[in-house]
């Protein structure tokens, strides 16, 4: 029998479950869109139906021996208890590791989703720099710092919650206003702004893409920017500036050599990455100037799954 593992990603916009091998290669992937109104219960119900089906379908001389979970929120690392999710109700003080083990009868490792994504990205990365920082721009924003190939877990509750550091708030005229990177730059944050009444001008291509005061999303914003729409370009520039300000602080503090950005918003590509790189170079301290690279994730939607499976397999390259 060949050992294989299940990797789970629990996010605010999607849930994924995959079957894979210990080297991170995936055999199959199932996806589910989160209904925020259903909260944690809706996610758990989907997992209760999907994971047994994955185990049954393993077949062909394979046996599932463990589950790795990347959870989108704050965890107590030693117990796998979720303390909070900033987007989905129902995760406060939830015994996530115990629930998985009792429900599916397998050993379980639980990590923050961005930590799982960062570890997966590091394991598959062509460069293994000593200070490796992974962050996602998705429904939320997280961070994973790997120092000489080991992820930094702070005091046991996660070390780099990048989305929760503060930057100036340019959406208000109030002097000295500030807010979180996640509020300004996450997919949910961007779309919340775009869908505020009157925010998108009627002269913008984005307005037309939304059907006229329609439901705008980040993909539409990227499409309008690619076509040189002035409003879309300005919106991305301001978002990139806030993100780069936070990113430059991480680079300056830790001397990060490799910065990898994943998540759904990162799929905008160069229209986002060009201003992020330009603005980061403007803000970063001279100690780090020209000593780091910023690139898009190579794994993208598979990053959390691959990292979670590596954790379940006890991959000693990262998880020791």
C-alpha atoms as a PDB file:
ATOM      1  CA  UNK A   1       0.000   0.000   0.000  1.00  0.00           C
ATOM      2  CA  UNK A   2       1.160   3.516  -0.798  1.00  0.00           C
ATOM      3  CA  UNK A   3       0.618   6.183   1.831  1.00  0.00           C
ATOM      4  CA  UNK A   4      -1.224   9.303   0.755  1.00  0.00           C
ATOM      5  CA  UNK A   5      -2.658  12.301   2.587  1.00  0.00           C
ATOM      6  CA  UNK A   6      -5.547  14.718   2.550  1.00  0.00           C
ATOM      7  CA  UNK A   7      -4.904  18.456   2.479  1.00  0.00           C
ATOM      8  CA  UNK A   8      -7.673  20.897   3.406  1.00  0.00           C
ATOM      9  CA  UNK A   9      -7.864  24.649   2.898  1.00  0.00           C
ATOM     10  CA  UNK A  10     -10.475  26.498   4.954  1.00  0.00           C
ATOM     11  CA  UNK A  11     -10.824  30.064   3.729  1.00  0.00           C
ATOM     12  CA  UNK A  12     -13.398  32.807   3.701  1.00  0.00           C
ATOM     13  CA  UNK A  13     -14.296  32.544   0.021  1.00  0.00           C
ATOM     14  CA  UNK A  14     -13.520  28.887  -0.730  1.00  0.00           C
ATOM     15  CA  UNK A  15     -12.854  25.523   0.872  1.00  0.00           C
ATOM     16  CA  UNK A  16     -10.684  22.920  -0.841  1.00  0.00           C
ATOM     17  CA  UNK A  17      -9.865  19.311  -0.082  1.00  0.00           C
ATOM     18  CA  UNK A  18      -7.211  17.354  -1.971  1.00  0.00           C
ATOM     19  CA  UNK A  19      -5.689  13.906  -2.026  1.00  0.00           C
ATOM     20  CA  UNK A  20      -1.934  13.854  -2.530  1.00  0.00           C
ATOM     21  CA  UNK A  21       1.422  12.234  -1.842  1.00  0.00           C
ATOM     22  CA  UNK A  22       4.009  13.262   0.713  1.00  0.00           C
ATOM     23  CA  UNK A  23       6.106  15.024  -1.921  1.00  0.00           C
ATOM     24  CA  UNK A  24       3.239  17.496  -2.407  1.00  0.00           C
ATOM     25  CA  UNK A  25       1.962  16.135  -5.714  1.00  0.00           C
ATOM     26  CA  UNK A  26      -1.827  16.219  -5.922  1.00  0.00           C
ATOM     27  CA  UNK A  27      -4.011  13.348  -7.085  1.00  0.00           C
ATOM     28  CA  UNK A  28      -7.396  15.060  -6.953  1.00  0.00           C
ATOM     29  CA  UNK A  29      -8.873  18.367  -5.754  1.00  0.00           C
ATOM     30  CA  UNK A  30     -12.430  19.253  -4.703  1.00  0.00           C
ATOM     31  CA  UNK A  31     -13.613  22.846  -4.267  1.00  0.00           C
ATOM     32  CA  UNK A  32     -16.536  24.501  -2.537  1.00  0.00           C
ATOM     33  CA  UNK A  33     -17.553  28.159  -2.442  1.00  0.00           C
ATOM     34  CA  UNK A  34     -18.143  29.465   1.056  1.00  0.00           C
ATOM     35  CA  UNK A  35     -21.544  30.938   1.868  1.00  0.00           C
ATOM     36  CA  UNK A  36     -20.715  33.461   4.571  1.00  0.00           C
ATOM     37  CA  UNK A  37     -24.240  33.377   5.950  1.00  0.00           C
ATOM     38  CA  UNK A  38     -23.811  29.657   6.726  1.00  0.00           C
ATOM     39  CA  UNK A  39     -20.687  30.334   8.783  1.00  0.00           C
ATOM     40  CA  UNK A  40     -18.413  27.582  10.056  1.00  0.00           C
ATOM     41  CA  UNK A  41     -21.291  25.089  10.135  1.00  0.00           C
ATOM     42  CA  UNK A  42     -21.698  25.216   6.369  1.00  0.00           C
ATOM     43  CA  UNK A  43     -17.988  24.516   5.877  1.00  0.00           C
ATOM     44  CA  UNK A  44     -17.964  21.626   8.343  1.00  0.00           C
ATOM     45  CA  UNK A  45     -21.042  20.092   6.717  1.00  0.00           C
ATOM     46  CA  UNK A  46     -19.337  20.150   3.303  1.00  0.00           C
ATOM     47  CA  UNK A  47     -16.200  18.544   4.739  1.00  0.00           C
ATOM     48  CA  UNK A  48     -18.299  15.821   6.397  1.00  0.00           C
ATOM     49  CA  UNK A  49     -19.565  14.824   2.967  1.00  0.00           C
ATOM     50  CA  UNK A  50     -16.408  15.381   0.943  1.00  0.00           C
ATOM     51  CA  UNK A  51     -13.587  13.860   2.984  1.00  0.00           C
ATOM     52  CA  UNK A  52     -15.128  10.374   3.333  1.00  0.00           C
ATOM     53  CA  UNK A  53     -15.699  10.417  -0.424  1.00  0.00           C
ATOM     54  CA  UNK A  54     -12.032  11.260  -0.990  1.00  0.00           C
ATOM     55  CA  UNK A  55     -10.943   8.445   1.322  1.00  0.00           C
ATOM     56  CA  UNK A  56     -13.188   5.952  -0.489  1.00  0.00           C
ATOM     57  CA  UNK A  57     -11.944   7.093  -3.883  1.00  0.00           C
ATOM     58  CA  UNK A  58      -8.250   6.773  -2.978  1.00  0.00           C
ATOM     59  CA  UNK A  59      -8.255   3.148  -4.148  1.00  0.00           C
ATOM     60  CA  UNK A  60      -5.582   1.660  -6.405  1.00  0.00           C
ATOM     61  CA  UNK A  61      -3.373   0.407  -3.584  1.00  0.00           C
ATOM     62  CA  UNK A  62      -3.380   3.736  -1.721  1.00  0.00           C
ATOM     63  CA  UNK A  63      -4.298   4.376   1.899  1.00  0.00           C
ATOM     64  CA  UNK A  64      -4.962   7.755   3.525  1.00  0.00           C
ATOM     65  CA  UNK A  65      -2.885   8.016   6.702  1.00  0.00           C
ATOM     66  CA  UNK A  66      -3.249  11.647   7.884  1.00  0.00           C
ATOM     67  CA  UNK A  67      -4.920  14.989   7.223  1.00  0.00           C
ATOM     68  CA  UNK A  68      -3.320  18.437   7.066  1.00  0.00           C
ATOM     69  CA  UNK A  69      -5.477  21.531   7.452  1.00  0.00           C
ATOM     70  CA  UNK A  70      -4.728  25.148   6.540  1.00  0.00           C
ATOM     71  CA  UNK A  71      -7.175  27.327   8.471  1.00  0.00           C
ATOM     72  CA  UNK A  72      -7.888  30.979   7.625  1.00  0.00           C
ATOM     73  CA  UNK A  73      -7.654  32.489  11.081  1.00  0.00           C
ATOM     74  CA  UNK A  74      -5.754  32.595  14.362  1.00  0.00           C
ATOM     75  CA  UNK A  75      -4.836  29.263  15.952  1.00  0.00           C
ATOM     76  CA  UNK A  76      -3.247  27.978  19.103  1.00  0.00           C
ATOM     77  CA  UNK A  77      -0.560  25.903  17.413  1.00  0.00           C
ATOM     78  CA  UNK A  78      -0.081  23.331  20.171  1.00  0.00           C
ATOM     79  CA  UNK A  79      -3.763  22.349  20.398  1.00  0.00           C
ATOM     80  CA  UNK A  80      -5.165  23.201  16.966  1.00  0.00           C
ATOM     81  CA  UNK A  81      -7.913  25.293  18.544  1.00  0.00           C
ATOM     82  CA  UNK A  82      -9.091  28.128  16.307  1.00  0.00           C
ATOM     83  CA  UNK A  83      -9.364  31.386  18.247  1.00  0.00           C
ATOM     84  CA  UNK A  84     -11.060  33.497  15.592  1.00  0.00           C
ATOM     85  CA  UNK A  85     -11.700  34.046  11.903  1.00  0.00           C
ATOM     86  CA  UNK A  86     -12.015  37.665  10.855  1.00  0.00           C
ATOM     87  CA  UNK A  87     -14.364  36.822   7.978  1.00  0.00           C
ATOM     88  CA  UNK A  88     -16.402  33.727   8.920  1.00  0.00           C
ATOM     89  CA  UNK A  89     -18.592  33.385  12.012  1.00  0.00           C
ATOM     90  CA  UNK A  90     -18.507  30.278  14.165  1.00  0.00           C
ATOM     91  CA  UNK A  91     -14.786  29.595  14.586  1.00  0.00           C
ATOM     92  CA  UNK A  92     -14.265  31.247  17.983  1.00  0.00           C
ATOM     93  CA  UNK A  93     -12.533  28.794  20.366  1.00  0.00           C
ATOM     94  CA  UNK A  94     -13.406  25.885  18.096  1.00  0.00           C
ATOM     95  CA  UNK A  95     -11.428  22.611  18.673  1.00  0.00           C
ATOM     96  CA  UNK A  96     -10.570  22.194  15.008  1.00  0.00           C
ATOM     97  CA  UNK A  97      -7.893  19.505  15.340  1.00  0.00           C
ATOM     98  CA  UNK A  98     -10.026  17.420  17.734  1.00  0.00           C
ATOM     99  CA  UNK A  99     -13.075  17.779  15.498  1.00  0.00           C
ATOM    100  CA  UNK A 100     -11.187  16.469  12.459  1.00  0.00           C
ATOM    101  CA  UNK A 101      -9.657  13.555  14.360  1.00  0.00           C
ATOM    102  CA  UNK A 102     -12.953  12.494  15.959  1.00  0.00           C
ATOM    103  CA  UNK A 103     -14.920  12.929  12.738  1.00  0.00           C
ATOM    104  CA  UNK A 104     -12.558  11.151  10.347  1.00  0.00           C
ATOM    105  CA  UNK A 105     -10.485   8.897  12.636  1.00  0.00           C
ATOM    106  CA  UNK A 106      -7.095  10.024  11.302  1.00  0.00           C
ATOM    107  CA  UNK A 107      -4.155  11.973  12.756  1.00  0.00           C
ATOM    108  CA  UNK A 108      -4.475  15.683  11.940  1.00  0.00           C
ATOM    109  CA  UNK A 109      -2.070  18.625  11.725  1.00  0.00           C
ATOM    110  CA  UNK A 110      -3.616  22.118  11.726  1.00  0.00           C
ATOM    111  CA  UNK A 111      -1.812  25.253  10.522  1.00  0.00           C
ATOM    112  CA  UNK A 112      -2.808  28.776   9.637  1.00  0.00           C
ATOM    113  CA  UNK A 113      -3.688  28.762   5.926  1.00  0.00           C
ATOM    114  CA  UNK A 114      -1.011  31.282   4.930  1.00  0.00           C
ATOM    115  CA  UNK A 115       1.594  29.326   6.897  1.00  0.00           C
ATOM    116  CA  UNK A 116       0.573  26.195   5.001  1.00  0.00           C
ATOM    117  CA  UNK A 117       0.702  28.150   1.731  1.00  0.00           C
ATOM    118  CA  UNK A 118       4.120  29.596   2.534  1.00  0.00           C
ATOM    119  CA  UNK A 119       5.556  26.218   3.436  1.00  0.00           C
ATOM    120  CA  UNK A 120       4.131  24.675   0.289  1.00  0.00           C
ATOM    121  CA  UNK A 121       5.565  27.496  -1.793  1.00  0.00           C
ATOM    122  CA  UNK A 122       8.976  27.192  -0.126  1.00  0.00           C
ATOM    123  CA  UNK A 123       9.160  23.444  -0.694  1.00  0.00           C
ATOM    124  CA  UNK A 124       8.383  23.915  -4.400  1.00  0.00           C
ATOM    125  CA  UNK A 125      10.443  27.071  -4.856  1.00  0.00           C
ATOM    126  CA  UNK A 126      13.486  27.122  -7.140  1.00  0.00           C
ATOM    127  CA  UNK A 127      15.252  29.420  -4.653  1.00  0.00           C
ATOM    128  CA  UNK A 128      15.759  28.475  -0.983  1.00  0.00           C
ATOM    129  CA  UNK A 129      16.809  31.779   0.550  1.00  0.00           C
ATOM    130  CA  UNK A 130      17.481  31.923   4.300  1.00  0.00           C
ATOM    131  CA  UNK A 131      14.785  34.577   4.866  1.00  0.00           C
ATOM    132  CA  UNK A 132      11.715  33.679   2.826  1.00  0.00           C
ATOM    133  CA  UNK A 133       8.439  35.578   3.215  1.00  0.00           C
ATOM    134  CA  UNK A 134       5.142  34.432   1.730  1.00  0.00           C
ATOM    135  CA  UNK A 135       1.954  36.458   1.817  1.00  0.00           C
ATOM    136  CA  UNK A 136      -1.420  36.133   0.146  1.00  0.00           C
ATOM    137  CA  UNK A 137      -3.782  38.799  -1.126  1.00  0.00           C
ATOM    138  CA  UNK A 138      -7.067  36.955  -1.044  1.00  0.00           C
ATOM    139  CA  UNK A 139     -10.283  37.483   0.862  1.00  0.00           C
ATOM    140  CA  UNK A 140      -7.914  38.321   3.714  1.00  0.00           C
ATOM    141  CA  UNK A 141      -4.155  38.850   3.983  1.00  0.00           C
ATOM    142  CA  UNK A 142      -1.754  36.709   5.975  1.00  0.00           C
ATOM    143  CA  UNK A 143       1.953  36.066   6.229  1.00  0.00           C
ATOM    144  CA  UNK A 144       4.446  33.231   6.634  1.00  0.00           C
ATOM    145  CA  UNK A 145       8.107  33.797   7.471  1.00  0.00           C
ATOM    146  CA  UNK A 146      10.580  30.969   6.992  1.00  0.00           C
ATOM    147  CA  UNK A 147      14.015  31.403   8.579  1.00  0.00           C
ATOM    148  CA  UNK A 148      16.608  28.994   7.244  1.00  0.00           C
ATOM    149  CA  UNK A 149      13.817  26.713   6.065  1.00  0.00           C
ATOM    150  CA  UNK A 150      11.757  26.652   9.288  1.00  0.00           C
ATOM    151  CA  UNK A 151       8.543  28.599   9.652  1.00  0.00           C
ATOM    152  CA  UNK A 152       8.427  31.163  12.453  1.00  0.00           C
ATOM    153  CA  UNK A 153       5.489  30.568  14.809  1.00  0.00           C
ATOM    154  CA  UNK A 154       6.001  33.445  17.225  1.00  0.00           C
ATOM    155  CA  UNK A 155       4.767  32.561  20.724  1.00  0.00           C
ATOM    156  CA  UNK A 156       2.736  29.637  19.429  1.00  0.00           C
ATOM    157  CA  UNK A 157      -0.130  31.572  17.863  1.00  0.00           C
ATOM    158  CA  UNK A 158       1.468  32.449  14.539  1.00  0.00           C
ATOM    159  CA  UNK A 159       4.271  34.884  13.921  1.00  0.00           C
ATOM    160  CA  UNK A 160       3.507  37.109  10.948  1.00  0.00           C
ATOM    161  CA  UNK A 161      -0.081  38.325  10.679  1.00  0.00           C
ATOM    162  CA  UNK A 162       0.922  40.738   7.953  1.00  0.00           C
ATOM    163  CA  UNK A 163      -2.616  41.856   7.146  1.00  0.00           C
ATOM    164  CA  UNK A 164      -3.065  43.212  10.671  1.00  0.00           C
ATOM    165  CA  UNK A 165      -0.336  45.826  10.724  1.00  0.00           C
ATOM    166  CA  UNK A 166      -1.422  49.435  10.265  1.00  0.00           C
ATOM    167  CA  UNK A 167      -1.027  51.849   7.359  1.00  0.00           C
ATOM    168  CA  UNK A 168      -2.539  55.279   6.575  1.00  0.00           C
ATOM    169  CA  UNK A 169      -6.186  55.229   5.554  1.00  0.00           C
ATOM    170  CA  UNK A 170      -6.547  57.195   2.303  1.00  0.00           C
ATOM    171  CA  UNK A 171     -10.286  56.567   2.071  1.00  0.00           C
ATOM    172  CA  UNK A 172     -11.075  59.294   4.615  1.00  0.00           C
ATOM    173  CA  UNK A 173     -10.275  62.991   4.950  1.00  0.00           C
ATOM    174  CA  UNK A 174      -9.746  62.630   8.688  1.00  0.00           C
ATOM    175  CA  UNK A 175      -6.215  63.739   9.569  1.00  0.00           C
ATOM    176  CA  UNK A 176      -3.955  60.952  10.824  1.00  0.00           C
ATOM    177  CA  UNK A 177      -6.445  58.176  10.050  1.00  0.00           C
ATOM    178  CA  UNK A 178      -5.030  54.668   9.817  1.00  0.00           C
ATOM    179  CA  UNK A 179      -6.313  51.157   9.300  1.00  0.00           C
ATOM    180  CA  UNK A 180      -5.083  47.627   8.614  1.00  0.00           C
ATOM    181  CA  UNK A 181      -3.336  46.420   5.471  1.00  0.00           C
ATOM    182  CA  UNK A 182      -6.080  43.789   5.152  1.00  0.00           C
ATOM    183  CA  UNK A 183      -8.810  46.428   5.244  1.00  0.00           C
ATOM    184  CA  UNK A 184      -7.175  48.404   2.430  1.00  0.00           C
ATOM    185  CA  UNK A 185      -5.719  45.687   0.227  1.00  0.00           C
ATOM    186  CA  UNK A 186      -7.527  42.349   0.618  1.00  0.00           C
ATOM    187  CA  UNK A 187      -9.987  41.147  -1.997  1.00  0.00           C
ATOM    188  CA  UNK A 188     -12.873  41.739   0.393  1.00  0.00           C
ATOM    189  CA  UNK A 189     -11.525  45.201   1.227  1.00  0.00           C
ATOM    190  CA  UNK A 190     -11.061  46.240  -2.397  1.00  0.00           C
ATOM    191  CA  UNK A 191     -14.510  44.993  -3.403  1.00  0.00           C
ATOM    192  CA  UNK A 192     -16.123  46.669  -0.398  1.00  0.00           C
ATOM    193  CA  UNK A 193     -14.727  49.999  -1.621  1.00  0.00           C
ATOM    194  CA  UNK A 194     -15.681  49.426  -5.232  1.00  0.00           C
ATOM    195  CA  UNK A 195     -19.247  48.580  -4.278  1.00  0.00           C
ATOM    196  CA  UNK A 196     -19.735  51.621  -2.061  1.00  0.00           C
ATOM    197  CA  UNK A 197     -22.449  53.776  -3.687  1.00  0.00           C
ATOM    198  CA  UNK A 198     -20.944  56.314  -6.069  1.00  0.00           C
ATOM    199  CA  UNK A 199     -17.349  55.127  -5.613  1.00  0.00           C
ATOM    200  CA  UNK A 200     -16.840  53.973  -9.218  1.00  0.00           C
ATOM    201  CA  UNK A 201     -17.376  56.901 -11.602  1.00  0.00           C
ATOM    202  CA  UNK A 202     -19.697  56.418 -14.545  1.00  0.00           C
ATOM    203  CA  UNK A 203     -16.880  57.501 -16.869  1.00  0.00           C
ATOM    204  CA  UNK A 204     -14.814  54.452 -15.884  1.00  0.00           C
ATOM    205  CA  UNK A 205     -14.674  51.284 -17.972  1.00  0.00           C
ATOM    206  CA  UNK A 206     -15.124  49.448 -14.672  1.00  0.00           C
ATOM    207  CA  UNK A 207     -18.590  50.993 -14.347  1.00  0.00           C
ATOM    208  CA  UNK A 208     -19.515  49.485 -17.702  1.00  0.00           C
ATOM    209  CA  UNK A 209     -18.008  46.095 -16.821  1.00  0.00           C
ATOM    210  CA  UNK A 210     -20.227  46.043 -13.738  1.00  0.00           C
ATOM    211  CA  UNK A 211     -23.303  46.669 -15.835  1.00  0.00           C
ATOM    212  CA  UNK A 212     -23.682  50.201 -14.528  1.00  0.00           C
ATOM    213  CA  UNK A 213     -23.463  50.463 -10.735  1.00  0.00           C
ATOM    214  CA  UNK A 214     -23.365  46.646 -10.667  1.00  0.00           C
ATOM    215  CA  UNK A 215     -21.505  44.176  -8.502  1.00  0.00           C
ATOM    216  CA  UNK A 216     -17.816  44.900  -9.001  1.00  0.00           C
ATOM    217  CA  UNK A 217     -15.017  42.433  -8.279  1.00  0.00           C
ATOM    218  CA  UNK A 218     -11.232  42.398  -8.388  1.00  0.00           C
ATOM    219  CA  UNK A 219     -11.100  40.592 -11.720  1.00  0.00           C
ATOM    220  CA  UNK A 220     -13.130  43.423 -13.302  1.00  0.00           C
ATOM    221  CA  UNK A 221     -10.780  45.963 -11.738  1.00  0.00           C
ATOM    222  CA  UNK A 222      -7.801  44.163 -13.244  1.00  0.00           C
ATOM    223  CA  UNK A 223      -9.452  43.959 -16.658  1.00  0.00           C
ATOM    224  CA  UNK A 224     -10.183  47.681 -16.641  1.00  0.00           C
ATOM    225  CA  UNK A 225      -6.602  48.458 -15.556  1.00  0.00           C
ATOM    226  CA  UNK A 226      -5.175  46.252 -18.314  1.00  0.00           C
ATOM    227  CA  UNK A 227      -7.160  48.410 -20.755  1.00  0.00           C
ATOM    228  CA  UNK A 228      -5.602  51.564 -19.236  1.00  0.00           C
ATOM    229  CA  UNK A 229      -8.738  52.805 -17.517  1.00  0.00           C
ATOM    230  CA  UNK A 230      -7.654  55.810 -15.445  1.00  0.00           C
ATOM    231  CA  UNK A 231      -9.821  55.087 -12.400  1.00  0.00           C
ATOM    232  CA  UNK A 232      -8.818  51.405 -12.260  1.00  0.00           C
ATOM    233  CA  UNK A 233      -5.123  52.242 -12.576  1.00  0.00           C
ATOM    234  CA  UNK A 234      -5.390  54.826  -9.803  1.00  0.00           C
ATOM    235  CA  UNK A 235      -7.256  52.412  -7.532  1.00  0.00           C
ATOM    236  CA  UNK A 236      -4.626  49.710  -8.007  1.00  0.00           C
ATOM    237  CA  UNK A 237      -1.808  52.246  -7.540  1.00  0.00           C
ATOM    238  CA  UNK A 238      -3.227  53.399  -4.202  1.00  0.00           C
ATOM    239  CA  UNK A 239      -3.852  49.823  -3.082  1.00  0.00           C
ATOM    240  CA  UNK A 240      -0.317  48.824  -4.097  1.00  0.00           C
ATOM    241  CA  UNK A 241       1.098  51.777  -2.203  1.00  0.00           C
ATOM    242  CA  UNK A 242      -0.573  50.682   1.055  1.00  0.00           C
ATOM    243  CA  UNK A 243       0.489  47.090   0.517  1.00  0.00           C
ATOM    244  CA  UNK A 244       4.059  48.058  -0.335  1.00  0.00           C
ATOM    245  CA  UNK A 245       4.334  50.231   2.770  1.00  0.00           C
ATOM    246  CA  UNK A 246       3.525  47.234   4.947  1.00  0.00           C
ATOM    247  CA  UNK A 247       5.704  44.927   2.873  1.00  0.00           C
ATOM    248  CA  UNK A 248       8.698  47.238   3.096  1.00  0.00           C
ATOM    249  CA  UNK A 249       8.434  47.101   6.890  1.00  0.00           C
ATOM    250  CA  UNK A 250       8.607  43.300   6.835  1.00  0.00           C
ATOM    251  CA  UNK A 251      11.564  43.354   4.450  1.00  0.00           C
ATOM    252  CA  UNK A 252      13.369  45.974   6.518  1.00  0.00           C
ATOM    253  CA  UNK A 253      12.731  44.256   9.859  1.00  0.00           C
ATOM    254  CA  UNK A 254      13.654  40.708   8.836  1.00  0.00           C
ATOM    255  CA  UNK A 255      15.960  41.217   5.853  1.00  0.00           C
ATOM    256  CA  UNK A 256      13.674  39.109   3.667  1.00  0.00           C
ATOM    257  CA  UNK A 257      15.483  37.978   0.531  1.00  0.00           C
ATOM    258  CA  UNK A 258      12.578  36.301  -1.255  1.00  0.00           C
ATOM    259  CA  UNK A 259       9.029  37.670  -1.127  1.00  0.00           C
ATOM    260  CA  UNK A 260       6.299  35.567  -2.729  1.00  0.00           C
ATOM    261  CA  UNK A 261       2.729  36.816  -3.145  1.00  0.00           C
ATOM    262  CA  UNK A 262      -0.184  34.455  -3.737  1.00  0.00           C
ATOM    263  CA  UNK A 263      -3.947  34.602  -3.357  1.00  0.00           C
ATOM    264  CA  UNK A 264      -6.730  35.477  -5.756  1.00  0.00           C
ATOM    265  CA  UNK A 265      -5.865  39.176  -6.130  1.00  0.00           C
ATOM    266  CA  UNK A 266      -2.293  38.238  -7.092  1.00  0.00           C
ATOM    267  CA  UNK A 267      -3.773  36.758 -10.270  1.00  0.00           C
ATOM    268  CA  UNK A 268      -3.988  40.346 -11.580  1.00  0.00           C
ATOM    269  CA  UNK A 269      -0.320  39.898 -12.485  1.00  0.00           C
ATOM    270  CA  UNK A 270       1.935  42.716 -13.634  1.00  0.00           C
ATOM    271  CA  UNK A 271      -0.747  45.398 -13.340  1.00  0.00           C
ATOM    272  CA  UNK A 272      -0.508  44.823  -9.570  1.00  0.00           C
ATOM    273  CA  UNK A 273       3.070  43.581  -9.180  1.00  0.00           C
ATOM    274  CA  UNK A 274       4.714  46.460 -11.066  1.00  0.00           C
ATOM    275  CA  UNK A 275       3.428  49.181  -8.692  1.00  0.00           C
ATOM    276  CA  UNK A 276       4.005  46.948  -5.634  1.00  0.00           C
ATOM    277  CA  UNK A 277       7.651  46.479  -6.616  1.00  0.00           C
ATOM    278  CA  UNK A 278       8.106  50.177  -7.440  1.00  0.00           C
ATOM    279  CA  UNK A 279       6.530  51.402  -4.214  1.00  0.00           C
ATOM    280  CA  UNK A 280       8.311  48.842  -2.031  1.00  0.00           C
ATOM    281  CA  UNK A 281      11.662  49.978  -3.398  1.00  0.00           C
ATOM    282  CA  UNK A 282      10.689  53.545  -2.483  1.00  0.00           C
ATOM    283  CA  UNK A 283       9.928  52.659   1.141  1.00  0.00           C
ATOM    284  CA  UNK A 284      12.409  49.917   2.066  1.00  0.00           C
ATOM    285  CA  UNK A 285      15.451  50.869   4.156  1.00  0.00           C
ATOM    286  CA  UNK A 286      18.860  50.995   2.517  1.00  0.00           C
ATOM    287  CA  UNK A 287      19.936  47.865   4.421  1.00  0.00           C
ATOM    288  CA  UNK A 288      17.574  45.845   2.237  1.00  0.00           C
ATOM    289  CA  UNK A 289      17.554  47.887  -0.983  1.00  0.00           C
ATOM    290  CA  UNK A 290      18.279  45.727  -4.055  1.00  0.00           C
ATOM    291  CA  UNK A 291      18.741  42.676  -1.819  1.00  0.00           C
ATOM    292  CA  UNK A 292      15.333  41.076  -2.253  1.00  0.00           C
ATOM    293  CA  UNK A 293      13.015  39.837  -4.985  1.00  0.00           C
ATOM    294  CA  UNK A 294       9.216  40.027  -5.165  1.00  0.00           C
ATOM    295  CA  UNK A 295       7.437  37.459  -7.324  1.00  0.00           C
ATOM    296  CA  UNK A 296       4.089  35.837  -7.874  1.00  0.00           C
ATOM    297  CA  UNK A 297       3.396  32.439  -6.332  1.00  0.00           C
ATOM    298  CA  UNK A 298       4.125  29.500  -8.609  1.00  0.00           C
ATOM    299  CA  UNK A 299       1.524  27.332  -6.847  1.00  0.00           C
ATOM    300  CA  UNK A 300      -1.294  29.884  -6.477  1.00  0.00           C
ATOM    301  CA  UNK A 301      -4.529  27.972  -5.632  1.00  0.00           C
ATOM    302  CA  UNK A 302      -2.577  24.809  -4.759  1.00  0.00           C
ATOM    303  CA  UNK A 303      -0.170  26.417  -2.267  1.00  0.00           C
ATOM    304  CA  UNK A 304      -2.206  25.785   0.904  1.00  0.00           C
ATOM    305  CA  UNK A 305      -3.124  22.251  -0.162  1.00  0.00           C
ATOM    306  CA  UNK A 306       0.476  21.293  -0.894  1.00  0.00           C
ATOM    307  CA  UNK A 307       1.701  22.778   2.374  1.00  0.00           C
ATOM    308  CA  UNK A 308      -1.053  21.062   4.358  1.00  0.00           C
ATOM    309  CA  UNK A 309      -0.235  17.713   2.770  1.00  0.00           C
ATOM    310  CA  UNK A 310       3.470  18.210   3.499  1.00  0.00           C
ATOM    311  CA  UNK A 311       2.571  18.891   7.139  1.00  0.00           C
ATOM    312  CA  UNK A 312       0.385  15.780   7.308  1.00  0.00           C
ATOM    313  CA  UNK A 313       3.250  13.752   5.868  1.00  0.00           C
ATOM    314  CA  UNK A 314       5.637  15.167   8.480  1.00  0.00           C
ATOM    315  CA  UNK A 315       7.953  16.690   5.875  1.00  0.00           C
ATOM    316  CA  UNK A 316      11.068  17.395   7.936  1.00  0.00           C
ATOM    317  CA  UNK A 317      12.378  19.940   5.408  1.00  0.00           C
ATOM    318  CA  UNK A 318      10.078  22.526   7.004  1.00  0.00           C
ATOM    319  CA  UNK A 319       8.062  21.083   9.870  1.00  0.00           C
ATOM    320  CA  UNK A 320      10.683  20.409  12.563  1.00  0.00           C
END
